[in-house]
C-alpha atoms as a PDB file:
ATOM      1  CA  MET A   1      -0.075   0.111  -0.302  1.00  0.00           C
ATOM      2  CA  PRO A   2       2.136   3.051  -0.873  1.00  0.00           C
ATOM      3  CA  PHE A   3       1.872   6.084   1.877  1.00  0.00           C
ATOM      4  CA  ILE A   4       1.832   8.780  -1.574  1.00  0.00           C
ATOM      5  CA  LYS A   5      -1.365   9.741  -2.892  1.00  0.00           C
ATOM      6  CA  LYS A   6      -0.461  12.858  -4.893  1.00  0.00           C
ATOM      7  CA  THR A   7       1.168  13.313  -8.034  1.00  0.00           C
ATOM      8  CA  ASP A   8       3.738  15.519  -6.749  1.00  0.00           C
ATOM      9  CA  GLY A   9       5.195  13.359  -4.414  1.00  0.00           C
ATOM     10  CA  LYS A  10       4.217  14.702  -1.048  1.00  0.00           C
ATOM     11  CA  PHE A  11       3.779  13.359   2.134  1.00  0.00           C
ATOM     12  CA  THR A  12       0.272  14.638   3.665  1.00  0.00           C
ATOM     13  CA  THR A  13      -0.594  14.980   7.350  1.00  0.00           C
ATOM     14  CA  GLU A  14      -2.214  11.209   7.628  1.00  0.00           C
ATOM     15  CA  ASP A  15       0.346   9.703   5.599  1.00  0.00           C
ATOM     16  CA  LYS A  16       3.442  10.374   8.236  1.00  0.00           C
ATOM     17  CA  VAL A  17       1.316   9.631  11.257  1.00  0.00           C
ATOM     18  CA  LYS A  18       0.286   5.838   9.631  1.00  0.00           C
ATOM     19  CA  MET A  19       4.105   5.902   8.824  1.00  0.00           C
ATOM     20  CA  PHE A  20       4.834   6.272  12.305  1.00  0.00           C
ATOM     21  CA  GLN A  21       2.330   3.867  13.059  1.00  0.00           C
ATOM     22  CA  GLN A  22       3.544   1.388  11.071  1.00  0.00           C
ATOM     23  CA  MET A  23       7.434   1.721  12.042  1.00  0.00           C
ATOM     24  CA  GLY A  24       5.584   1.599  15.636  1.00  0.00           C
ATOM     25  CA  SER A  25       4.243  -1.508  14.908  1.00  0.00           C
ATOM     26  CA  VAL A  26       6.829  -3.510  13.669  1.00  0.00           C
ATOM     27  CA  GLY A  27       9.370  -2.178  15.942  1.00  0.00           C
ATOM     28  CA  ALA A  28       6.841  -3.441  19.267  1.00  0.00           C
ATOM     29  CA  VAL A  29       7.124  -7.223  17.223  1.00  0.00           C
ATOM     30  CA  ILE A  30      10.405  -7.258  16.533  1.00  0.00           C
ATOM     31  CA  ALA A  31      11.159  -5.814  19.896  1.00  0.00           C
ATOM     32  CA  LEU A  32       9.131  -8.884  20.943  1.00  0.00           C
ATOM     33  CA  VAL A  33      11.372 -11.174  18.999  1.00  0.00           C
ATOM     34  CA  PHE A  34      14.049 -10.437  20.925  1.00  0.00           C
ATOM     35  CA  VAL A  35      12.579 -10.354  23.689  1.00  0.00           C
ATOM     36  CA  VAL A  36      11.470 -14.344  23.364  1.00  0.00           C
ATOM     37  CA  LEU A  37      15.035 -14.883  22.128  1.00  0.00           C
ATOM     38  CA  ILE A  38      16.689 -13.859  25.268  1.00  0.00           C
ATOM     39  CA  GLU A  39      14.113 -15.416  27.239  1.00  0.00           C
ATOM     40  CA  SER A  40      14.437 -18.809  26.025  1.00  0.00           C
ATOM     41  CA  GLY A  41      17.709 -19.206  26.137  1.00  0.00           C
ATOM     42  CA  VAL A  42      18.287 -19.773  21.831  1.00  0.00           C
ATOM     43  CA  ALA A  43      20.482 -16.474  21.301  1.00  0.00           C
ATOM     44  CA  GLY A  44      22.641 -18.232  23.666  1.00  0.00           C
ATOM     45  CA  GLU A  45      26.446 -16.477  22.986  1.00  0.00           C
ATOM     46  CA  HIS A  46      24.719 -14.131  20.981  1.00  0.00           C
ATOM     47  CA  ALA A  47      22.723 -12.281  24.729  1.00  0.00           C
ATOM     48  CA  ASP A  48      24.525  -9.272  24.149  1.00  0.00           C
ATOM     49  CA  LEU A  49      23.808  -8.988  20.914  1.00  0.00           C
ATOM     50  CA  ALA A  50      20.340  -9.603  20.951  1.00  0.00           C
ATOM     51  CA  GLU A  51      19.579  -7.507  24.386  1.00  0.00           C
ATOM     52  CA  PHE A  52      21.388  -4.667  22.042  1.00  0.00           C
ATOM     53  CA  GLY A  53      18.584  -5.142  19.630  1.00  0.00           C
ATOM     54  CA  LEU A  54      16.089  -4.758  22.072  1.00  0.00           C
ATOM     55  CA  THR A  55      17.455  -1.641  23.127  1.00  0.00           C
ATOM     56  CA  ALA A  56      17.242  -0.267  19.414  1.00  0.00           C
ATOM     57  CA  MET A  57      13.507  -1.753  19.095  1.00  0.00           C
ATOM     58  CA  ILE A  58      12.827   0.188  22.728  1.00  0.00           C
ATOM     59  CA  VAL A  59      14.499   3.809  20.488  1.00  0.00           C
ATOM     60  CA  VAL A  60      12.337   3.026  17.599  1.00  0.00           C
ATOM     61  CA  LEU A  61       8.799   2.872  19.930  1.00  0.00           C
ATOM     62  CA  ALA A  62      10.305   5.725  21.235  1.00  0.00           C
ATOM     63  CA  VAL A  63      10.293   8.017  17.894  1.00  0.00           C
ATOM     64  CA  SER A  64       7.475   6.213  16.448  1.00  0.00           C
ATOM     65  CA  LEU A  65       5.543   7.490  19.416  1.00  0.00           C
ATOM     66  CA  ILE A  66       7.041  10.660  19.450  1.00  0.00           C
ATOM     67  CA  GLY A  67       6.885  11.537  16.006  1.00  0.00           C
ATOM     68  CA  SER A  68       2.973   9.827  15.719  1.00  0.00           C
ATOM     69  CA  MET A  69       1.562  12.194  18.508  1.00  0.00           C
ATOM     70  CA  TYR A  70       3.812  15.076  16.475  1.00  0.00           C
ATOM     71  CA  PHE A  71       1.844  14.880  13.764  1.00  0.00           C
ATOM     72  CA  LYS A  72      -1.895  14.154  15.006  1.00  0.00           C
ATOM     73  CA  ARG A  73      -1.071  17.414  16.817  1.00  0.00           C
ATOM     74  CA  LYS A  74      -1.066  19.428  13.056  1.00  0.00           C
ATOM     75  CA  LEU A  75      -4.188  17.728  12.474  1.00  0.00           C
END
């Protein structure tokens, strides 16, 4: 599903909100995968790398929340 509705290629505010919400959804799913890998012990010797990835996904969730709230305020 394309986010750009206009032929001039500019994003509307609704499109930006949708993108931030989708980014948050994907970040939440990936964070859940990292938690399962860490807690089940599947990560094994790469647990530090999985924890680093989990931290990165938490940052993605925070950025998507802030971005979504910012553009929702402009609506």
